[in-house]
């Protein structure tokens, strides 16, 4: 697994998060580079192991460690327009408090809590490009669930990134980017961790296997996937009970990381390794 910069590592561990004025604990999910196990579904494998983003711990040296009380100036929800095709999308804004480096002294990096605004699309991207698909080739499914994309298309052939922010625009609208695995970790940690985040992020309707509470307005829907495998060929799967979303972070030449909520683990928002040639949903984050 390629190395992670000190900045990205610091931003993905020791996180204290708030959404407007609320707080929650750490997410125990993640694989830290471990091999995939369990949950295999065509181009989808769930990951297991210790600690979000590879585990470990980080402590502040000197004056760091206390949470910032400042708030984002734009802690609301709203609608924006994609200037490429005129489609509109809902968004929600999170106030993220993350441990960030601010100085280096005597060979040690000093950290302090910094509040960062993080604005997520509150529905899946529905921008049609060559290779994208509507579930079952039905345009009504694109209206409801958005388009499905393979990883190269979602990335617009950009290089992998695990920084916060990822700085990968990919298929996203102008001034938005494809979230890194680190950014997904932050969102899931805020929502109470892997074991409960699924319920809190799911929409209040549209799920065959149990709707969510949609506590943050994220409104995750089960858009399914288009699986591509050597043994089974290509096929649509999971609409109504499963949803998967790409990250900008690859695992290796064949797989990239993503988040998923699926049948059998309805309350969870798990970290997955996804086959790059399969098609999944996209959510974007504002730059």
C-alpha atoms as a PDB file:
ATOM      1  CA  UNK A   1       0.000   0.000   0.000  1.00  0.00           C
ATOM      2  CA  UNK A   2       1.513   3.318  -0.894  1.00  0.00           C
ATOM      3  CA  UNK A   3       2.568   5.613   1.870  1.00  0.00           C
ATOM      4  CA  UNK A   4       0.277   8.260   3.274  1.00  0.00           C
ATOM      5  CA  UNK A   5       1.563  11.778   3.958  1.00  0.00           C
ATOM      6  CA  UNK A   6       1.779  13.084   7.508  1.00  0.00           C
ATOM      7  CA  UNK A   7      -0.946  15.573   6.633  1.00  0.00           C
ATOM      8  CA  UNK A   8      -3.394  12.907   5.441  1.00  0.00           C
ATOM      9  CA  UNK A   9      -2.581  10.591   8.342  1.00  0.00           C
ATOM     10  CA  UNK A  10      -3.121  13.358  10.874  1.00  0.00           C
ATOM     11  CA  UNK A  11      -6.419  14.296   9.270  1.00  0.00           C
ATOM     12  CA  UNK A  12      -7.695  10.707   9.332  1.00  0.00           C
ATOM     13  CA  UNK A  13      -6.930   9.821  12.970  1.00  0.00           C
ATOM     14  CA  UNK A  14      -7.727  11.463  16.256  1.00  0.00           C
ATOM     15  CA  UNK A  15     -10.751  13.128  14.637  1.00  0.00           C
ATOM     16  CA  UNK A  16     -13.280  15.162  16.585  1.00  0.00           C
ATOM     17  CA  UNK A  17     -16.230  15.928  14.370  1.00  0.00           C
ATOM     18  CA  UNK A  18     -19.301  18.106  14.554  1.00  0.00           C
ATOM     19  CA  UNK A  19     -22.214  18.601  12.203  1.00  0.00           C
ATOM     20  CA  UNK A  20     -23.309  22.152  12.964  1.00  0.00           C
ATOM     21  CA  UNK A  21     -23.239  21.735  16.776  1.00  0.00           C
ATOM     22  CA  UNK A  22     -23.308  17.920  17.236  1.00  0.00           C
ATOM     23  CA  UNK A  23     -20.435  15.500  17.966  1.00  0.00           C
ATOM     24  CA  UNK A  24     -19.763  11.750  17.692  1.00  0.00           C
ATOM     25  CA  UNK A  25     -17.028   9.175  18.295  1.00  0.00           C
ATOM     26  CA  UNK A  26     -14.478   7.348  16.143  1.00  0.00           C
ATOM     27  CA  UNK A  27     -15.271   4.866  13.397  1.00  0.00           C
ATOM     28  CA  UNK A  28     -13.689   1.477  13.982  1.00  0.00           C
ATOM     29  CA  UNK A  29     -13.832   0.538  10.314  1.00  0.00           C
ATOM     30  CA  UNK A  30     -11.051   0.315   7.767  1.00  0.00           C
ATOM     31  CA  UNK A  31      -8.430  -2.150   6.697  1.00  0.00           C
ATOM     32  CA  UNK A  32      -5.102  -0.394   7.053  1.00  0.00           C
ATOM     33  CA  UNK A  33      -3.925  -2.164   3.916  1.00  0.00           C
ATOM     34  CA  UNK A  34      -5.202  -5.634   4.844  1.00  0.00           C
ATOM     35  CA  UNK A  35      -6.506  -8.027   2.212  1.00  0.00           C
ATOM     36  CA  UNK A  36     -10.202  -8.171   1.398  1.00  0.00           C
ATOM     37  CA  UNK A  37     -12.373 -10.704   3.193  1.00  0.00           C
ATOM     38  CA  UNK A  38     -16.054 -11.530   3.306  1.00  0.00           C
ATOM     39  CA  UNK A  39     -18.967  -9.740   1.675  1.00  0.00           C
ATOM     40  CA  UNK A  40     -17.856 -10.507  -1.864  1.00  0.00           C
ATOM     41  CA  UNK A  41     -20.463  -9.558  -4.450  1.00  0.00           C
ATOM     42  CA  UNK A  42     -19.089  -9.514  -7.982  1.00  0.00           C
ATOM     43  CA  UNK A  43     -16.810  -6.463  -8.070  1.00  0.00           C
ATOM     44  CA  UNK A  44     -17.381  -5.655  -4.389  1.00  0.00           C
ATOM     45  CA  UNK A  45     -15.378  -6.821  -1.372  1.00  0.00           C
ATOM     46  CA  UNK A  46     -15.745  -5.564   2.183  1.00  0.00           C
ATOM     47  CA  UNK A  47     -12.544  -4.763   4.051  1.00  0.00           C
ATOM     48  CA  UNK A  48     -11.688  -5.733   7.604  1.00  0.00           C
ATOM     49  CA  UNK A  49      -8.999  -4.857  10.095  1.00  0.00           C
ATOM     50  CA  UNK A  50      -8.168  -2.372  12.804  1.00  0.00           C
ATOM     51  CA  UNK A  51      -8.798   1.315  12.861  1.00  0.00           C
ATOM     52  CA  UNK A  52     -10.095   3.745  10.287  1.00  0.00           C
ATOM     53  CA  UNK A  53      -7.319   4.565   7.820  1.00  0.00           C
ATOM     54  CA  UNK A  54      -4.819   2.091   9.176  1.00  0.00           C
ATOM     55  CA  UNK A  55      -5.286   2.510  12.898  1.00  0.00           C
ATOM     56  CA  UNK A  56      -2.640   3.907  15.171  1.00  0.00           C
ATOM     57  CA  UNK A  57      -2.889   6.964  17.387  1.00  0.00           C
ATOM     58  CA  UNK A  58      -1.736  10.546  17.391  1.00  0.00           C
ATOM     59  CA  UNK A  59      -1.344  12.969  20.246  1.00  0.00           C
ATOM     60  CA  UNK A  60      -0.798  16.697  20.091  1.00  0.00           C
ATOM     61  CA  UNK A  61       2.483  18.122  21.320  1.00  0.00           C
ATOM     62  CA  UNK A  62       2.483  21.513  22.976  1.00  0.00           C
ATOM     63  CA  UNK A  63      -0.664  23.613  22.657  1.00  0.00           C
ATOM     64  CA  UNK A  64      -2.826  21.263  20.551  1.00  0.00           C
ATOM     65  CA  UNK A  65      -5.665  18.930  21.495  1.00  0.00           C
ATOM     66  CA  UNK A  66      -8.657  21.151  22.318  1.00  0.00           C
ATOM     67  CA  UNK A  67     -11.598  21.375  19.921  1.00  0.00           C
ATOM     68  CA  UNK A  68     -12.191  24.609  18.090  1.00  0.00           C
ATOM     69  CA  UNK A  69     -15.453  26.360  18.964  1.00  0.00           C
ATOM     70  CA  UNK A  70     -15.631  28.312  15.696  1.00  0.00           C
ATOM     71  CA  UNK A  71     -18.362  27.449  13.217  1.00  0.00           C
ATOM     72  CA  UNK A  72     -18.479  27.346   9.447  1.00  0.00           C
ATOM     73  CA  UNK A  73     -20.088  30.413   7.946  1.00  0.00           C
ATOM     74  CA  UNK A  74     -22.260  28.230   5.699  1.00  0.00           C
ATOM     75  CA  UNK A  75     -23.693  25.424   7.863  1.00  0.00           C
ATOM     76  CA  UNK A  76     -26.893  24.877   5.931  1.00  0.00           C
ATOM     77  CA  UNK A  77     -28.379  22.923   3.046  1.00  0.00           C
ATOM     78  CA  UNK A  78     -29.345  24.177  -0.375  1.00  0.00           C
ATOM     79  CA  UNK A  79     -29.323  23.574  -4.131  1.00  0.00           C
ATOM     80  CA  UNK A  80     -26.669  24.206  -6.792  1.00  0.00           C
ATOM     81  CA  UNK A  81     -26.663  23.873 -10.585  1.00  0.00           C
ATOM     82  CA  UNK A  82     -24.178  21.867 -12.624  1.00  0.00           C
ATOM     83  CA  UNK A  83     -23.258  24.301 -15.392  1.00  0.00           C
ATOM     84  CA  UNK A  84     -22.377  21.445 -17.775  1.00  0.00           C
ATOM     85  CA  UNK A  85     -25.963  20.235 -18.267  1.00  0.00           C
ATOM     86  CA  UNK A  86     -28.150  22.468 -16.085  1.00  0.00           C
ATOM     87  CA  UNK A  87     -29.076  19.734 -13.612  1.00  0.00           C
ATOM     88  CA  UNK A  88     -29.628  20.769 -10.004  1.00  0.00           C
ATOM     89  CA  UNK A  89     -28.449  18.945  -6.878  1.00  0.00           C
ATOM     90  CA  UNK A  90     -29.122  19.294  -3.184  1.00  0.00           C
ATOM     91  CA  UNK A  91     -26.172  19.704  -0.797  1.00  0.00           C
ATOM     92  CA  UNK A  92     -25.497  19.611   2.962  1.00  0.00           C
ATOM     93  CA  UNK A  93     -22.633  21.279   4.856  1.00  0.00           C
ATOM     94  CA  UNK A  94     -20.681  19.704   7.729  1.00  0.00           C
ATOM     95  CA  UNK A  95     -18.405  21.516  10.175  1.00  0.00           C
ATOM     96  CA  UNK A  96     -15.430  19.152  10.518  1.00  0.00           C
ATOM     97  CA  UNK A  97     -12.957  19.562  13.386  1.00  0.00           C
ATOM     98  CA  UNK A  98      -9.730  17.749  12.458  1.00  0.00           C
ATOM     99  CA  UNK A  99      -6.271  17.493  14.009  1.00  0.00           C
ATOM    100  CA  UNK A 100      -3.921  19.332  11.643  1.00  0.00           C
ATOM    101  CA  UNK A 101      -0.144  20.037  11.700  1.00  0.00           C
ATOM    102  CA  UNK A 102       0.802  23.677  12.324  1.00  0.00           C
ATOM    103  CA  UNK A 103       4.471  23.701  13.389  1.00  0.00           C
ATOM    104  CA  UNK A 104       7.588  21.529  13.681  1.00  0.00           C
ATOM    105  CA  UNK A 105       9.896  21.833  16.648  1.00  0.00           C
ATOM    106  CA  UNK A 106      12.852  19.709  17.787  1.00  0.00           C
ATOM    107  CA  UNK A 107      11.981  17.081  15.208  1.00  0.00           C
ATOM    108  CA  UNK A 108       8.365  16.789  16.401  1.00  0.00           C
ATOM    109  CA  UNK A 109       5.269  17.890  14.508  1.00  0.00           C
ATOM    110  CA  UNK A 110       2.823  19.974  16.527  1.00  0.00           C
ATOM    111  CA  UNK A 111      -0.921  19.688  15.910  1.00  0.00           C
ATOM    112  CA  UNK A 112      -4.021  21.653  16.733  1.00  0.00           C
ATOM    113  CA  UNK A 113      -7.744  21.315  15.992  1.00  0.00           C
ATOM    114  CA  UNK A 114      -8.950  23.264  12.970  1.00  0.00           C
ATOM    115  CA  UNK A 115     -12.556  23.643  11.841  1.00  0.00           C
ATOM    116  CA  UNK A 116     -13.015  22.922   8.133  1.00  0.00           C
ATOM    117  CA  UNK A 117     -16.260  23.270   6.179  1.00  0.00           C
ATOM    118  CA  UNK A 118     -17.137  20.134   4.212  1.00  0.00           C
ATOM    119  CA  UNK A 119     -20.074  20.369   1.800  1.00  0.00           C
ATOM    120  CA  UNK A 120     -21.395  17.118   0.292  1.00  0.00           C
ATOM    121  CA  UNK A 121     -23.865  16.518  -2.494  1.00  0.00           C
ATOM    122  CA  UNK A 122     -27.074  15.165  -0.952  1.00  0.00           C
ATOM    123  CA  UNK A 123     -27.917  13.033  -3.984  1.00  0.00           C
ATOM    124  CA  UNK A 124     -25.985  10.935  -6.485  1.00  0.00           C
ATOM    125  CA  UNK A 125     -24.366  12.470  -9.544  1.00  0.00           C
ATOM    126  CA  UNK A 126     -26.447  12.135 -12.720  1.00  0.00           C
ATOM    127  CA  UNK A 127     -24.042  13.459 -15.363  1.00  0.00           C
ATOM    128  CA  UNK A 128     -24.134  11.323 -18.502  1.00  0.00           C
ATOM    129  CA  UNK A 129     -20.807  10.521 -20.151  1.00  0.00           C
ATOM    130  CA  UNK A 130     -19.554   7.759 -22.410  1.00  0.00           C
ATOM    131  CA  UNK A 131     -19.582   4.507 -20.447  1.00  0.00           C
ATOM    132  CA  UNK A 132     -21.964   5.616 -17.670  1.00  0.00           C
ATOM    133  CA  UNK A 133     -25.205   3.699 -17.225  1.00  0.00           C
ATOM    134  CA  UNK A 134     -28.657   3.968 -15.748  1.00  0.00           C
ATOM    135  CA  UNK A 135     -29.603   0.905 -13.712  1.00  0.00           C
ATOM    136  CA  UNK A 136     -31.278  -1.623 -16.050  1.00  0.00           C
ATOM    137  CA  UNK A 137     -30.758   0.962 -18.836  1.00  0.00           C
ATOM    138  CA  UNK A 138     -33.883   2.713 -17.529  1.00  0.00           C
ATOM    139  CA  UNK A 139     -33.704   6.564 -17.563  1.00  0.00           C
ATOM    140  CA  UNK A 140     -36.142   6.712 -14.635  1.00  0.00           C
ATOM    141  CA  UNK A 141     -33.513   5.000 -12.500  1.00  0.00           C
ATOM    142  CA  UNK A 142     -30.991   7.708 -13.395  1.00  0.00           C
ATOM    143  CA  UNK A 143     -33.500  10.339 -12.278  1.00  0.00           C
ATOM    144  CA  UNK A 144     -33.887   8.593  -8.928  1.00  0.00           C
ATOM    145  CA  UNK A 145     -30.428   7.089  -8.281  1.00  0.00           C
ATOM    146  CA  UNK A 146     -28.051   8.913 -10.621  1.00  0.00           C
ATOM    147  CA  UNK A 147     -25.657   7.381 -13.146  1.00  0.00           C
ATOM    148  CA  UNK A 148     -23.320   4.447 -12.451  1.00  0.00           C
ATOM    149  CA  UNK A 149     -19.614   4.894 -13.346  1.00  0.00           C
ATOM    150  CA  UNK A 150     -16.477   2.774 -13.458  1.00  0.00           C
ATOM    151  CA  UNK A 151     -13.495   4.115 -11.490  1.00  0.00           C
ATOM    152  CA  UNK A 152     -11.559   5.505 -14.462  1.00  0.00           C
ATOM    153  CA  UNK A 153     -14.620   7.478 -15.560  1.00  0.00           C
ATOM    154  CA  UNK A 154     -15.361   8.691 -12.021  1.00  0.00           C
ATOM    155  CA  UNK A 155     -11.742   9.866 -11.766  1.00  0.00           C
ATOM    156  CA  UNK A 156     -11.654  11.277 -15.314  1.00  0.00           C
ATOM    157  CA  UNK A 157      -8.341   9.388 -15.532  1.00  0.00           C
ATOM    158  CA  UNK A 158      -6.754  11.411 -12.682  1.00  0.00           C
ATOM    159  CA  UNK A 159      -4.164   9.899 -10.344  1.00  0.00           C
ATOM    160  CA  UNK A 160      -5.253   8.337  -7.049  1.00  0.00           C
ATOM    161  CA  UNK A 161      -5.380  10.571  -3.964  1.00  0.00           C
ATOM    162  CA  UNK A 162      -5.921   9.933  -0.257  1.00  0.00           C
ATOM    163  CA  UNK A 163      -5.491  13.507   0.948  1.00  0.00           C
ATOM    164  CA  UNK A 164      -8.125  15.722   2.559  1.00  0.00           C
ATOM    165  CA  UNK A 165      -9.351  17.220   0.293  1.00  0.00           C
ATOM    166  CA  UNK A 166      -8.530  14.820  -2.528  1.00  0.00           C
ATOM    167  CA  UNK A 167      -8.065  17.619  -5.116  1.00  0.00           C
ATOM    168  CA  UNK A 168      -9.396  15.221  -7.768  1.00  0.00           C
ATOM    169  CA  UNK A 169     -12.225  16.821  -9.733  1.00  0.00           C
ATOM    170  CA  UNK A 170     -12.863  13.668 -11.740  1.00  0.00           C
ATOM    171  CA  UNK A 171     -16.416  13.504 -13.087  1.00  0.00           C
ATOM    172  CA  UNK A 172     -17.681  16.110 -10.598  1.00  0.00           C
ATOM    173  CA  UNK A 173     -19.008  19.578 -11.500  1.00  0.00           C
ATOM    174  CA  UNK A 174     -16.785  22.654 -11.523  1.00  0.00           C
ATOM    175  CA  UNK A 175     -15.596  23.571  -7.984  1.00  0.00           C
ATOM    176  CA  UNK A 176     -16.447  20.073  -6.677  1.00  0.00           C
ATOM    177  CA  UNK A 177     -14.261  16.978  -6.274  1.00  0.00           C
ATOM    178  CA  UNK A 178     -14.436  13.212  -5.809  1.00  0.00           C
ATOM    179  CA  UNK A 179     -13.889  12.480  -2.085  1.00  0.00           C
ATOM    180  CA  UNK A 180     -10.856  10.512  -0.982  1.00  0.00           C
ATOM    181  CA  UNK A 181     -11.078   7.525   1.331  1.00  0.00           C
ATOM    182  CA  UNK A 182      -9.993   9.868   4.126  1.00  0.00           C
ATOM    183  CA  UNK A 183     -12.941  12.193   3.454  1.00  0.00           C
ATOM    184  CA  UNK A 184     -15.367   9.245   3.528  1.00  0.00           C
ATOM    185  CA  UNK A 185     -13.775   8.122   6.819  1.00  0.00           C
ATOM    186  CA  UNK A 186     -14.448  11.547   8.330  1.00  0.00           C
ATOM    187  CA  UNK A 187     -18.102  11.451   7.280  1.00  0.00           C
ATOM    188  CA  UNK A 188     -18.659   7.919   8.617  1.00  0.00           C
ATOM    189  CA  UNK A 189     -16.855   8.675  11.868  1.00  0.00           C
ATOM    190  CA  UNK A 190     -19.091  11.699  12.366  1.00  0.00           C
ATOM    191  CA  UNK A 191     -22.153   9.502  11.842  1.00  0.00           C
ATOM    192  CA  UNK A 192     -21.172   7.308  14.797  1.00  0.00           C
ATOM    193  CA  UNK A 193     -18.830   4.859  13.077  1.00  0.00           C
ATOM    194  CA  UNK A 194     -19.280   2.036  10.615  1.00  0.00           C
ATOM    195  CA  UNK A 195     -21.794   0.058  12.667  1.00  0.00           C
ATOM    196  CA  UNK A 196     -24.404   2.850  12.891  1.00  0.00           C
ATOM    197  CA  UNK A 197     -23.575   5.239  10.062  1.00  0.00           C
ATOM    198  CA  UNK A 198     -25.663   3.331   7.528  1.00  0.00           C
ATOM    199  CA  UNK A 199     -28.882   4.052   9.406  1.00  0.00           C
ATOM    200  CA  UNK A 200     -28.019   7.722   9.924  1.00  0.00           C
ATOM    201  CA  UNK A 201     -26.967   8.359   6.320  1.00  0.00           C
ATOM    202  CA  UNK A 202     -29.764   6.461   4.551  1.00  0.00           C
ATOM    203  CA  UNK A 203     -32.833   8.266   3.218  1.00  0.00           C
ATOM    204  CA  UNK A 204     -36.097   7.875   5.104  1.00  0.00           C
ATOM    205  CA  UNK A 205     -37.702   6.081   2.133  1.00  0.00           C
ATOM    206  CA  UNK A 206     -36.652   4.041  -0.886  1.00  0.00           C
ATOM    207  CA  UNK A 207     -34.870   1.124   0.824  1.00  0.00           C
ATOM    208  CA  UNK A 208     -36.422  -2.339   0.510  1.00  0.00           C
ATOM    209  CA  UNK A 209     -34.469  -3.673   3.495  1.00  0.00           C
ATOM    210  CA  UNK A 210     -35.142  -0.891   6.006  1.00  0.00           C
ATOM    211  CA  UNK A 211     -35.082   2.873   5.658  1.00  0.00           C
ATOM    212  CA  UNK A 212     -32.773   5.184   7.556  1.00  0.00           C
ATOM    213  CA  UNK A 213     -33.178   8.237   9.774  1.00  0.00           C
ATOM    214  CA  UNK A 214     -31.292  10.615   7.415  1.00  0.00           C
ATOM    215  CA  UNK A 215     -30.048  12.596  10.409  1.00  0.00           C
ATOM    216  CA  UNK A 216     -27.744  14.839   8.369  1.00  0.00           C
ATOM    217  CA  UNK A 217     -29.697  15.207   5.118  1.00  0.00           C
ATOM    218  CA  UNK A 218     -27.224  12.979   3.225  1.00  0.00           C
ATOM    219  CA  UNK A 219     -30.152  10.942   1.823  1.00  0.00           C
ATOM    220  CA  UNK A 220     -28.241   7.858   0.670  1.00  0.00           C
ATOM    221  CA  UNK A 221     -30.289   5.734  -1.763  1.00  0.00           C
ATOM    222  CA  UNK A 222     -29.759   2.121  -2.936  1.00  0.00           C
ATOM    223  CA  UNK A 223     -28.725   2.707  -6.545  1.00  0.00           C
ATOM    224  CA  UNK A 224     -27.223  -0.765  -6.951  1.00  0.00           C
ATOM    225  CA  UNK A 225     -24.289  -1.485  -9.252  1.00  0.00           C
ATOM    226  CA  UNK A 226     -23.231  -2.852 -12.620  1.00  0.00           C
ATOM    227  CA  UNK A 227     -20.880  -5.717 -11.847  1.00  0.00           C
ATOM    228  CA  UNK A 228     -18.151  -6.829 -14.197  1.00  0.00           C
ATOM    229  CA  UNK A 229     -16.298 -10.080 -13.496  1.00  0.00           C
ATOM    230  CA  UNK A 230     -14.431 -12.682 -15.523  1.00  0.00           C
ATOM    231  CA  UNK A 231     -16.460 -15.565 -14.087  1.00  0.00           C
ATOM    232  CA  UNK A 232     -19.995 -14.117 -14.173  1.00  0.00           C
ATOM    233  CA  UNK A 233     -19.851 -11.546 -16.953  1.00  0.00           C
ATOM    234  CA  UNK A 234     -21.616  -8.192 -16.561  1.00  0.00           C
ATOM    235  CA  UNK A 235     -24.953  -7.632 -14.859  1.00  0.00           C
ATOM    236  CA  UNK A 236     -26.955  -5.101 -12.836  1.00  0.00           C
ATOM    237  CA  UNK A 237     -27.378  -5.918  -9.161  1.00  0.00           C
ATOM    238  CA  UNK A 238     -28.752  -4.591  -5.883  1.00  0.00           C
ATOM    239  CA  UNK A 239     -31.048  -1.680  -6.705  1.00  0.00           C
ATOM    240  CA  UNK A 240     -33.453  -1.094  -3.814  1.00  0.00           C
ATOM    241  CA  UNK A 241     -31.244  -2.753  -1.200  1.00  0.00           C
ATOM    242  CA  UNK A 242     -27.597  -1.772  -1.833  1.00  0.00           C
ATOM    243  CA  UNK A 243     -25.661   1.391  -2.638  1.00  0.00           C
ATOM    244  CA  UNK A 244     -21.916   1.890  -3.243  1.00  0.00           C
ATOM    245  CA  UNK A 245     -19.951   5.116  -3.790  1.00  0.00           C
ATOM    246  CA  UNK A 246     -16.480   5.581  -5.251  1.00  0.00           C
ATOM    247  CA  UNK A 247     -13.568   7.288  -3.534  1.00  0.00           C
ATOM    248  CA  UNK A 248     -10.558   8.854  -5.246  1.00  0.00           C
ATOM    249  CA  UNK A 249      -8.244   6.386  -3.473  1.00  0.00           C
ATOM    250  CA  UNK A 250      -7.067   3.214  -5.158  1.00  0.00           C
ATOM    251  CA  UNK A 251      -5.957   0.031  -3.459  1.00  0.00           C
ATOM    252  CA  UNK A 252      -4.031  -1.422  -6.395  1.00  0.00           C
ATOM    253  CA  UNK A 253      -4.203  -1.662 -10.174  1.00  0.00           C
ATOM    254  CA  UNK A 254      -7.480  -3.595 -10.061  1.00  0.00           C
ATOM    255  CA  UNK A 255      -9.371  -2.161  -7.076  1.00  0.00           C
ATOM    256  CA  UNK A 256     -10.204   1.183  -5.477  1.00  0.00           C
ATOM    257  CA  UNK A 257     -11.783   2.042  -2.125  1.00  0.00           C
ATOM    258  CA  UNK A 258     -15.389   3.059  -1.680  1.00  0.00           C
ATOM    259  CA  UNK A 259     -18.219   3.118   0.860  1.00  0.00           C
ATOM    260  CA  UNK A 260     -21.273   0.917   0.757  1.00  0.00           C
ATOM    261  CA  UNK A 261     -24.546   0.150   2.491  1.00  0.00           C
ATOM    262  CA  UNK A 262     -26.006  -3.215   1.539  1.00  0.00           C
ATOM    263  CA  UNK A 263     -28.522  -5.918   2.372  1.00  0.00           C
ATOM    264  CA  UNK A 264     -27.444  -7.975   5.372  1.00  0.00           C
ATOM    265  CA  UNK A 265     -25.634  -5.063   7.037  1.00  0.00           C
ATOM    266  CA  UNK A 266     -28.325  -2.403   6.726  1.00  0.00           C
ATOM    267  CA  UNK A 267     -27.149  -0.321   9.698  1.00  0.00           C
ATOM    268  CA  UNK A 268     -23.525  -0.137   8.563  1.00  0.00           C
ATOM    269  CA  UNK A 269     -21.601   2.055   6.133  1.00  0.00           C
ATOM    270  CA  UNK A 270     -18.681  -0.198   5.336  1.00  0.00           C
ATOM    271  CA  UNK A 271     -15.337   0.416   3.696  1.00  0.00           C
ATOM    272  CA  UNK A 272     -15.148  -1.633   0.476  1.00  0.00           C
ATOM    273  CA  UNK A 273     -12.588  -2.500  -2.133  1.00  0.00           C
ATOM    274  CA  UNK A 274     -14.407  -2.185  -5.451  1.00  0.00           C
ATOM    275  CA  UNK A 275     -13.388  -3.643  -8.790  1.00  0.00           C
ATOM    276  CA  UNK A 276     -12.394  -0.715 -10.993  1.00  0.00           C
ATOM    277  CA  UNK A 277     -14.175  -2.109 -14.051  1.00  0.00           C
ATOM    278  CA  UNK A 278     -17.556  -2.333 -12.252  1.00  0.00           C
ATOM    279  CA  UNK A 279     -19.927   0.647 -12.101  1.00  0.00           C
ATOM    280  CA  UNK A 280     -21.027   2.378  -8.891  1.00  0.00           C
ATOM    281  CA  UNK A 281     -22.505   5.705  -7.748  1.00  0.00           C
ATOM    282  CA  UNK A 282     -20.689   9.009  -7.181  1.00  0.00           C
ATOM    283  CA  UNK A 283     -21.085  11.724  -4.540  1.00  0.00           C
ATOM    284  CA  UNK A 284     -19.027  14.915  -4.827  1.00  0.00           C
ATOM    285  CA  UNK A 285     -17.616  17.293  -2.194  1.00  0.00           C
ATOM    286  CA  UNK A 286     -17.274  21.043  -2.686  1.00  0.00           C
ATOM    287  CA  UNK A 287     -13.731  22.388  -3.029  1.00  0.00           C
END
